[in-house]
Amino acid sequence: MHPFGGEAVSLIGGGLIALGFIAYLLFKSYTGIEISAASLALDVSQSAIVTASFKRKRWILGAWERIPGTFNVRAFRLLDPVVAATPTNETTSPTAPSLTVTVTALAPGYDTVRISGFPSGTTDVASADLTMSVLNE
């Protein structure tokens, strides 16, 4: 007969699995994208500058740090554009990890500019939306 019953072995095994899962969550790397404005209202022909940065946490209690990556920028309304955003594709460097996007209002209406991409050193995809309102002149 074993010194531990089947119930004890199940409890110990379940406890080890739970500890492993908690350790995974604690030491998991988190990535995201941060933009300087969530929404903008512009008059036709006005421009605004928005900054975007990838950020990473190496573990759940760690501090956020800015990291370089490859950005893609696009407006959703392609047939009847309301805004234009430049640049559309850009890779940032470790010394300058933030991207500066110029958004220009073309016509009255509403649109969303999506800034997305891949932070360096990860396989994650991050994105953020900028809601645009373009008013009459």
N, C-alpha and C. Protein backbone atom coordinates (compact mmCIF):
# COMPACT_ATOMS: atom_id res chain seq x y z
N MET A 1 0.84 -1.16 0.00
CA MET A 1 0.00 0.00 0.00
C MET A 1 0.90 1.24 0.00
N HIS A 2 0.50 2.26 -0.76
CA HIS A 2 1.26 3.50 -0.87
C HIS A 2 1.00 4.39 0.33
N PRO A 3 2.03 5.17 0.74
CA PRO A 3 1.82 6.06 1.89
C PRO A 3 0.84 7.20 1.56
N PHE A 4 0.70 7.53 0.27
CA PHE A 4 -0.26 8.57 -0.13
C PHE A 4 -1.39 7.90 -0.88
N GLY A 5 -2.59 8.32 -0.60
CA GLY A 5 -3.75 7.80 -1.32
C GLY A 5 -3.87 8.49 -2.67
N GLY A 6 -4.77 8.00 -3.50
CA GLY A 6 -5.01 8.58 -4.82
C GLY A 6 -5.46 10.03 -4.75
N GLU A 7 -6.19 10.38 -3.71
CA GLU A 7 -6.67 11.75 -3.56
C GLU A 7 -5.51 12.71 -3.30
N ALA A 8 -4.55 12.30 -2.50
CA ALA A 8 -3.41 13.15 -2.19
C ALA A 8 -2.57 13.40 -3.45
N VAL A 9 -2.38 12.37 -4.24
CA VAL A 9 -1.61 12.52 -5.48
C VAL A 9 -2.34 13.47 -6.43
N SER A 10 -3.65 13.37 -6.51
CA SER A 10 -4.43 14.26 -7.37
C SER A 10 -4.34 15.70 -6.89
N LEU A 11 -4.39 15.90 -5.58
CA LEU A 11 -4.29 17.25 -5.04
C LEU A 11 -2.91 17.86 -5.29
N ILE A 12 -1.87 17.07 -5.11
CA ILE A 12 -0.51 17.56 -5.35
C ILE A 12 -0.33 17.88 -6.84
N GLY A 13 -0.78 17.01 -7.71
CA GLY A 13 -0.68 17.24 -9.16
C GLY A 13 -1.45 18.48 -9.59
N GLY A 14 -2.67 18.62 -9.07
CA GLY A 14 -3.47 19.80 -9.40
C GLY A 14 -2.83 21.08 -8.90
N GLY A 15 -2.23 21.02 -7.70
CA GLY A 15 -1.54 22.18 -7.14
C GLY A 15 -0.34 22.58 -7.99
N LEU A 16 0.42 21.58 -8.48
CA LEU A 16 1.58 21.88 -9.32
C LEU A 16 1.15 22.50 -10.65
N ILE A 17 0.06 22.01 -11.22
CA ILE A 17 -0.45 22.59 -12.47
C ILE A 17 -0.89 24.03 -12.23
N ALA A 18 -1.59 24.29 -11.12
CA ALA A 18 -2.04 25.65 -10.80
C ALA A 18 -0.84 26.57 -10.59
N LEU A 19 0.20 26.11 -9.90
CA LEU A 19 1.39 26.93 -9.70
C LEU A 19 2.09 27.25 -11.02
N GLY A 20 2.13 26.27 -11.91
CA GLY A 20 2.73 26.49 -13.23
C GLY A 20 1.96 27.53 -14.02
N PHE A 21 0.64 27.48 -13.96
CA PHE A 21 -0.19 28.45 -14.67
C PHE A 21 -0.02 29.85 -14.09
N ILE A 22 0.04 29.97 -12.78
CA ILE A 22 0.26 31.27 -12.12
C ILE A 22 1.63 31.83 -12.50
N ALA A 23 2.65 30.99 -12.53
CA ALA A 23 4.00 31.43 -12.93
C ALA A 23 4.00 31.91 -14.38
N TYR A 24 3.27 31.21 -15.24
CA TYR A 24 3.16 31.63 -16.65
C TYR A 24 2.56 33.02 -16.74
N LEU A 25 1.46 33.28 -16.01
CA LEU A 25 0.81 34.58 -16.06
C LEU A 25 1.71 35.68 -15.48
N LEU A 26 2.44 35.38 -14.43
CA LEU A 26 3.33 36.37 -13.81
C LEU A 26 4.47 36.78 -14.73
N PHE A 27 5.05 35.82 -15.44
CA PHE A 27 6.25 36.09 -16.22
C PHE A 27 5.99 36.19 -17.71
N LYS A 28 4.74 36.27 -18.12
CA LYS A 28 4.37 36.44 -19.52
C LYS A 28 4.70 37.86 -19.95
N SER A 29 5.20 38.01 -21.17
CA SER A 29 5.49 39.33 -21.70
C SER A 29 4.21 39.92 -22.30
N TYR A 30 3.94 41.19 -22.00
CA TYR A 30 2.76 41.88 -22.51
C TYR A 30 3.21 42.98 -23.47
N THR A 31 2.54 43.09 -24.64
CA THR A 31 2.85 44.16 -25.58
C THR A 31 1.58 44.90 -25.95
N GLY A 32 1.74 46.15 -26.35
CA GLY A 32 0.61 46.96 -26.76
C GLY A 32 1.09 48.14 -27.57
N ILE A 33 0.15 48.96 -27.97
CA ILE A 33 0.49 50.16 -28.72
C ILE A 33 -0.18 51.34 -28.03
N GLU A 34 0.53 52.44 -27.97
CA GLU A 34 0.03 53.63 -27.29
C GLU A 34 0.03 54.77 -28.31
N ILE A 35 -1.12 55.48 -28.41
CA ILE A 35 -1.19 56.64 -29.29
C ILE A 35 -1.49 57.88 -28.47
N SER A 36 -1.05 59.04 -28.98
CA SER A 36 -1.16 60.27 -28.19
C SER A 36 -2.58 60.81 -28.11
N ALA A 37 -3.48 60.38 -29.01
CA ALA A 37 -4.88 60.83 -28.97
C ALA A 37 -5.77 59.67 -29.40
N ALA A 38 -6.90 59.51 -28.75
CA ALA A 38 -7.85 58.46 -29.12
C ALA A 38 -8.85 58.96 -30.16
N SER A 39 -9.08 60.28 -30.17
CA SER A 39 -9.99 60.85 -31.16
C SER A 39 -9.56 62.28 -31.47
N LEU A 40 -9.90 62.72 -32.68
CA LEU A 40 -9.57 64.07 -33.12
C LEU A 40 -10.73 64.65 -33.91
N ALA A 41 -10.94 65.94 -33.80
CA ALA A 41 -11.90 66.66 -34.62
C ALA A 41 -11.15 67.76 -35.34
N LEU A 42 -11.22 67.75 -36.67
CA LEU A 42 -10.50 68.72 -37.49
C LEU A 42 -11.45 69.36 -38.49
N ASP A 43 -11.10 70.55 -38.96
CA ASP A 43 -11.79 71.17 -40.08
C ASP A 43 -11.16 70.64 -41.36
N VAL A 44 -11.89 70.74 -42.47
CA VAL A 44 -11.37 70.31 -43.76
C VAL A 44 -10.06 71.05 -44.04
N SER A 45 -9.08 70.35 -44.55
CA SER A 45 -7.74 70.84 -44.91
C SER A 45 -6.82 71.06 -43.71
N GLN A 46 -7.28 70.82 -42.49
CA GLN A 46 -6.40 70.91 -41.33
C GLN A 46 -5.62 69.60 -41.17
N SER A 47 -4.50 69.70 -40.51
CA SER A 47 -3.67 68.52 -40.21
C SER A 47 -3.39 68.45 -38.73
N ALA A 48 -3.14 67.25 -38.25
CA ALA A 48 -2.76 67.04 -36.86
C ALA A 48 -1.67 65.98 -36.82
N ILE A 49 -0.85 66.05 -35.79
CA ILE A 49 0.22 65.06 -35.62
C ILE A 49 -0.13 64.17 -34.43
N VAL A 50 0.00 62.87 -34.66
CA VAL A 50 -0.27 61.86 -33.63
C VAL A 50 0.99 61.02 -33.47
N THR A 51 1.37 60.73 -32.25
CA THR A 51 2.54 59.87 -31.99
C THR A 51 2.07 58.49 -31.57
N ALA A 52 2.76 57.48 -32.07
CA ALA A 52 2.44 56.10 -31.72
C ALA A 52 3.71 55.40 -31.27
N SER A 53 3.58 54.54 -30.24
CA SER A 53 4.73 53.79 -29.71
C SER A 53 4.28 52.39 -29.33
N PHE A 54 5.12 51.41 -29.61
CA PHE A 54 4.89 50.08 -29.07
C PHE A 54 5.40 50.08 -27.63
N LYS A 55 4.72 49.37 -26.77
CA LYS A 55 5.18 49.26 -25.38
C LYS A 55 5.16 47.80 -24.97
N ARG A 56 6.04 47.46 -24.01
CA ARG A 56 6.17 46.07 -23.57
C ARG A 56 6.40 46.04 -22.07
N LYS A 57 5.83 45.01 -21.46
CA LYS A 57 6.09 44.68 -20.07
C LYS A 57 6.69 43.29 -20.08
N ARG A 58 7.81 43.10 -19.43
CA ARG A 58 8.45 41.79 -19.43
C ARG A 58 7.79 40.81 -18.46
N TRP A 59 7.09 41.32 -17.47
CA TRP A 59 6.31 40.48 -16.57
C TRP A 59 5.19 41.32 -15.98
N ILE A 60 4.24 40.71 -15.31
CA ILE A 60 3.00 41.38 -14.93
C ILE A 60 3.21 42.60 -14.04
N LEU A 61 4.21 42.59 -13.17
CA LEU A 61 4.45 43.72 -12.28
C LEU A 61 5.55 44.65 -12.78
N GLY A 62 6.07 44.39 -13.96
CA GLY A 62 7.15 45.21 -14.51
C GLY A 62 6.66 46.53 -15.04
N ALA A 63 7.58 47.41 -15.34
CA ALA A 63 7.25 48.73 -15.89
C ALA A 63 7.15 48.63 -17.41
N TRP A 64 6.29 49.47 -17.99
CA TRP A 64 6.18 49.53 -19.44
C TRP A 64 7.43 50.19 -20.02
N GLU A 65 7.92 49.67 -21.14
CA GLU A 65 9.04 50.28 -21.84
C GLU A 65 8.67 50.42 -23.32
N ARG A 66 9.17 51.47 -23.96
CA ARG A 66 8.93 51.66 -25.39
C ARG A 66 9.92 50.83 -26.18
N ILE A 67 9.42 50.18 -27.23
CA ILE A 67 10.28 49.34 -28.06
C ILE A 67 10.03 49.68 -29.54
N PRO A 68 11.03 49.47 -30.39
CA PRO A 68 10.84 49.74 -31.82
C PRO A 68 9.99 48.66 -32.48
N GLY A 69 9.59 48.92 -33.70
CA GLY A 69 8.82 47.93 -34.44
C GLY A 69 8.46 48.46 -35.81
N THR A 70 7.63 47.70 -36.52
CA THR A 70 7.17 48.08 -37.85
C THR A 70 5.70 48.46 -37.76
N PHE A 71 5.38 49.67 -38.17
CA PHE A 71 4.03 50.20 -38.10
C PHE A 71 3.36 50.17 -39.47
N ASN A 72 2.05 49.96 -39.48
CA ASN A 72 1.20 50.13 -40.66
C ASN A 72 0.09 51.09 -40.27
N VAL A 73 -0.19 52.07 -41.13
CA VAL A 73 -1.20 53.07 -40.84
C VAL A 73 -2.18 53.10 -42.01
N ARG A 74 -3.50 53.04 -41.71
CA ARG A 74 -4.47 53.13 -42.79
C ARG A 74 -5.79 53.69 -42.28
N ALA A 75 -6.48 54.40 -43.17
CA ALA A 75 -7.82 54.88 -42.89
C ALA A 75 -8.80 53.84 -43.45
N PHE A 76 -9.96 53.71 -42.83
CA PHE A 76 -10.91 52.68 -43.24
C PHE A 76 -11.68 53.04 -44.51
N ARG A 77 -12.07 54.30 -44.67
CA ARG A 77 -12.86 54.67 -45.84
C ARG A 77 -11.93 54.88 -47.03
N LEU A 78 -11.91 53.91 -47.93
CA LEU A 78 -11.01 53.99 -49.07
C LEU A 78 -11.68 54.56 -50.32
N LEU A 79 -13.00 54.29 -50.50
CA LEU A 79 -13.68 54.77 -51.70
C LEU A 79 -13.97 56.26 -51.66
N ASP A 80 -14.40 56.77 -50.55
CA ASP A 80 -14.72 58.18 -50.39
C ASP A 80 -13.95 58.69 -49.18
N PRO A 81 -12.65 58.92 -49.32
CA PRO A 81 -11.81 59.20 -48.14
C PRO A 81 -12.18 60.50 -47.44
N VAL A 82 -12.11 60.43 -46.11
CA VAL A 82 -12.35 61.59 -45.26
C VAL A 82 -11.03 62.14 -44.73
N VAL A 83 -10.09 61.24 -44.47
CA VAL A 83 -8.77 61.64 -43.96
C VAL A 83 -7.67 60.89 -44.72
N ALA A 84 -6.48 61.46 -44.68
CA ALA A 84 -5.29 60.80 -45.20
C ALA A 84 -4.26 60.77 -44.08
N ALA A 85 -3.55 59.67 -43.96
CA ALA A 85 -2.54 59.53 -42.91
C ALA A 85 -1.21 59.14 -43.55
N THR A 86 -0.13 59.79 -43.15
CA THR A 86 1.20 59.46 -43.65
C THR A 86 2.17 59.42 -42.48
N PRO A 87 3.16 58.59 -42.48
CA PRO A 87 3.46 57.56 -43.46
C PRO A 87 2.54 56.36 -43.30
N THR A 88 2.48 55.50 -44.33
CA THR A 88 1.63 54.31 -44.25
C THR A 88 2.38 53.10 -43.72
N ASN A 89 3.66 53.02 -43.97
CA ASN A 89 4.51 51.94 -43.43
C ASN A 89 5.82 52.55 -42.97
N GLU A 90 6.23 52.18 -41.76
CA GLU A 90 7.46 52.77 -41.21
C GLU A 90 8.01 51.82 -40.15
N THR A 91 9.33 51.70 -40.11
CA THR A 91 10.00 50.92 -39.07
C THR A 91 10.78 51.88 -38.18
N THR A 92 10.58 51.75 -36.88
CA THR A 92 11.29 52.62 -35.94
C THR A 92 12.54 51.92 -35.42
N SER A 93 13.41 52.69 -34.78
CA SER A 93 14.67 52.15 -34.29
C SER A 93 14.71 52.19 -32.76
N PRO A 94 15.65 51.49 -32.15
CA PRO A 94 15.77 51.54 -30.69
C PRO A 94 16.05 52.94 -30.15
N THR A 95 16.74 53.77 -30.92
CA THR A 95 17.03 55.12 -30.45
C THR A 95 15.85 56.07 -30.64
N ALA A 96 14.95 55.75 -31.56
CA ALA A 96 13.75 56.57 -31.80
C ALA A 96 12.55 55.63 -31.97
N PRO A 97 12.03 55.08 -30.86
CA PRO A 97 11.00 54.04 -30.97
C PRO A 97 9.59 54.54 -31.29
N SER A 98 9.38 55.87 -31.31
CA SER A 98 8.04 56.40 -31.57
C SER A 98 7.88 56.79 -33.04
N LEU A 99 6.66 56.64 -33.53
CA LEU A 99 6.31 57.00 -34.90
C LEU A 99 5.45 58.26 -34.87
N THR A 100 5.75 59.21 -35.75
CA THR A 100 4.94 60.42 -35.88
C THR A 100 4.09 60.29 -37.14
N VAL A 101 2.77 60.37 -36.96
CA VAL A 101 1.82 60.23 -38.07
C VAL A 101 1.14 61.58 -38.28
N THR A 102 1.10 62.03 -39.52
CA THR A 102 0.38 63.25 -39.87
C THR A 102 -0.96 62.85 -40.47
N VAL A 103 -2.04 63.34 -39.87
CA VAL A 103 -3.40 63.05 -40.33
C VAL A 103 -3.96 64.34 -40.91
N THR A 104 -4.42 64.28 -42.17
CA THR A 104 -4.97 65.45 -42.84
C THR A 104 -6.43 65.21 -43.17
N ALA A 105 -7.28 66.19 -42.84
CA ALA A 105 -8.71 66.10 -43.13
C ALA A 105 -8.96 66.46 -44.58
N LEU A 106 -9.67 65.58 -45.30
CA LEU A 106 -9.93 65.80 -46.73
C LEU A 106 -11.35 66.26 -47.03
N ALA A 107 -12.33 65.70 -46.33
CA ALA A 107 -13.74 66.00 -46.60
C ALA A 107 -14.53 65.81 -45.31
N PRO A 108 -15.68 66.47 -45.19
CA PRO A 108 -16.50 66.31 -43.98
C PRO A 108 -16.97 64.87 -43.81
N GLY A 109 -16.99 64.41 -42.56
CA GLY A 109 -17.46 63.05 -42.27
C GLY A 109 -16.70 62.45 -41.10
N TYR A 110 -16.82 61.14 -40.99
CA TYR A 110 -16.19 60.40 -39.90
C TYR A 110 -15.36 59.27 -40.48
N ASP A 111 -14.27 58.95 -39.83
CA ASP A 111 -13.42 57.84 -40.25
C ASP A 111 -12.61 57.36 -39.06
N THR A 112 -12.01 56.22 -39.23
CA THR A 112 -11.12 55.66 -38.22
C THR A 112 -9.78 55.38 -38.87
N VAL A 113 -8.73 55.81 -38.22
CA VAL A 113 -7.37 55.52 -38.67
C VAL A 113 -6.83 54.44 -37.74
N ARG A 114 -6.45 53.30 -38.32
CA ARG A 114 -5.90 52.20 -37.53
C ARG A 114 -4.38 52.22 -37.65
N ILE A 115 -3.72 52.24 -36.49
CA ILE A 115 -2.26 52.15 -36.42
C ILE A 115 -1.96 50.78 -35.83
N SER A 116 -1.28 49.94 -36.61
CA SER A 116 -1.01 48.58 -36.15
C SER A 116 0.40 48.19 -36.56
N GLY A 117 0.82 47.01 -36.11
CA GLY A 117 2.13 46.54 -36.51
C GLY A 117 2.70 45.50 -35.58
N PHE A 118 3.98 45.25 -35.78
CA PHE A 118 4.70 44.20 -35.07
C PHE A 118 5.83 44.81 -34.26
N PRO A 119 5.77 44.71 -32.93
CA PRO A 119 6.90 45.18 -32.12
C PRO A 119 8.12 44.29 -32.36
N SER A 120 9.30 44.88 -32.36
CA SER A 120 10.54 44.12 -32.55
C SER A 120 10.73 43.09 -31.44
N GLY A 121 11.22 41.93 -31.82
CA GLY A 121 11.54 40.88 -30.84
C GLY A 121 10.34 40.10 -30.35
N THR A 122 9.17 40.30 -30.95
CA THR A 122 7.98 39.54 -30.55
C THR A 122 7.26 39.03 -31.79
N THR A 123 6.35 38.12 -31.58
CA THR A 123 5.48 37.66 -32.67
C THR A 123 4.08 38.23 -32.51
N ASP A 124 3.93 39.14 -31.56
CA ASP A 124 2.62 39.75 -31.28
C ASP A 124 2.28 40.80 -32.32
N VAL A 125 0.98 41.02 -32.51
CA VAL A 125 0.47 42.11 -33.33
C VAL A 125 -0.27 43.05 -32.39
N ALA A 126 -0.01 44.33 -32.52
CA ALA A 126 -0.69 45.32 -31.68
C ALA A 126 -1.37 46.34 -32.59
N SER A 127 -2.50 46.89 -32.13
CA SER A 127 -3.17 47.91 -32.92
C SER A 127 -3.93 48.86 -32.01
N ALA A 128 -4.16 50.07 -32.53
CA ALA A 128 -4.94 51.09 -31.83
C ALA A 128 -5.69 51.88 -32.89
N ASP A 129 -6.89 52.35 -32.53
CA ASP A 129 -7.72 53.10 -33.47
C ASP A 129 -7.80 54.56 -33.05
N LEU A 130 -7.75 55.42 -34.04
CA LEU A 130 -7.90 56.86 -33.86
C LEU A 130 -9.19 57.27 -34.56
N THR A 131 -10.19 57.71 -33.81
CA THR A 131 -11.46 58.12 -34.37
C THR A 131 -11.37 59.56 -34.84
N MET A 132 -11.76 59.80 -36.09
CA MET A 132 -11.63 61.12 -36.70
C MET A 132 -13.01 61.70 -37.03
N SER A 133 -13.21 62.96 -36.70
CA SER A 133 -14.39 63.73 -37.10
C SER A 133 -13.88 64.91 -37.93
N VAL A 134 -14.37 65.02 -39.15
CA VAL A 134 -13.97 66.13 -39.99
C VAL A 134 -15.18 67.03 -40.17
N LEU A 135 -15.03 68.29 -39.77
CA LEU A 135 -16.12 69.25 -39.79
C LEU A 135 -16.06 70.09 -41.05
N ASN A 136 -17.18 70.72 -41.37
CA ASN A 136 -17.19 71.64 -42.52
C ASN A 136 -16.28 72.82 -42.26
N GLU A 137 -15.81 73.42 -43.32
CA GLU A 137 -14.94 74.60 -43.17
C GLU A 137 -15.69 75.75 -42.57
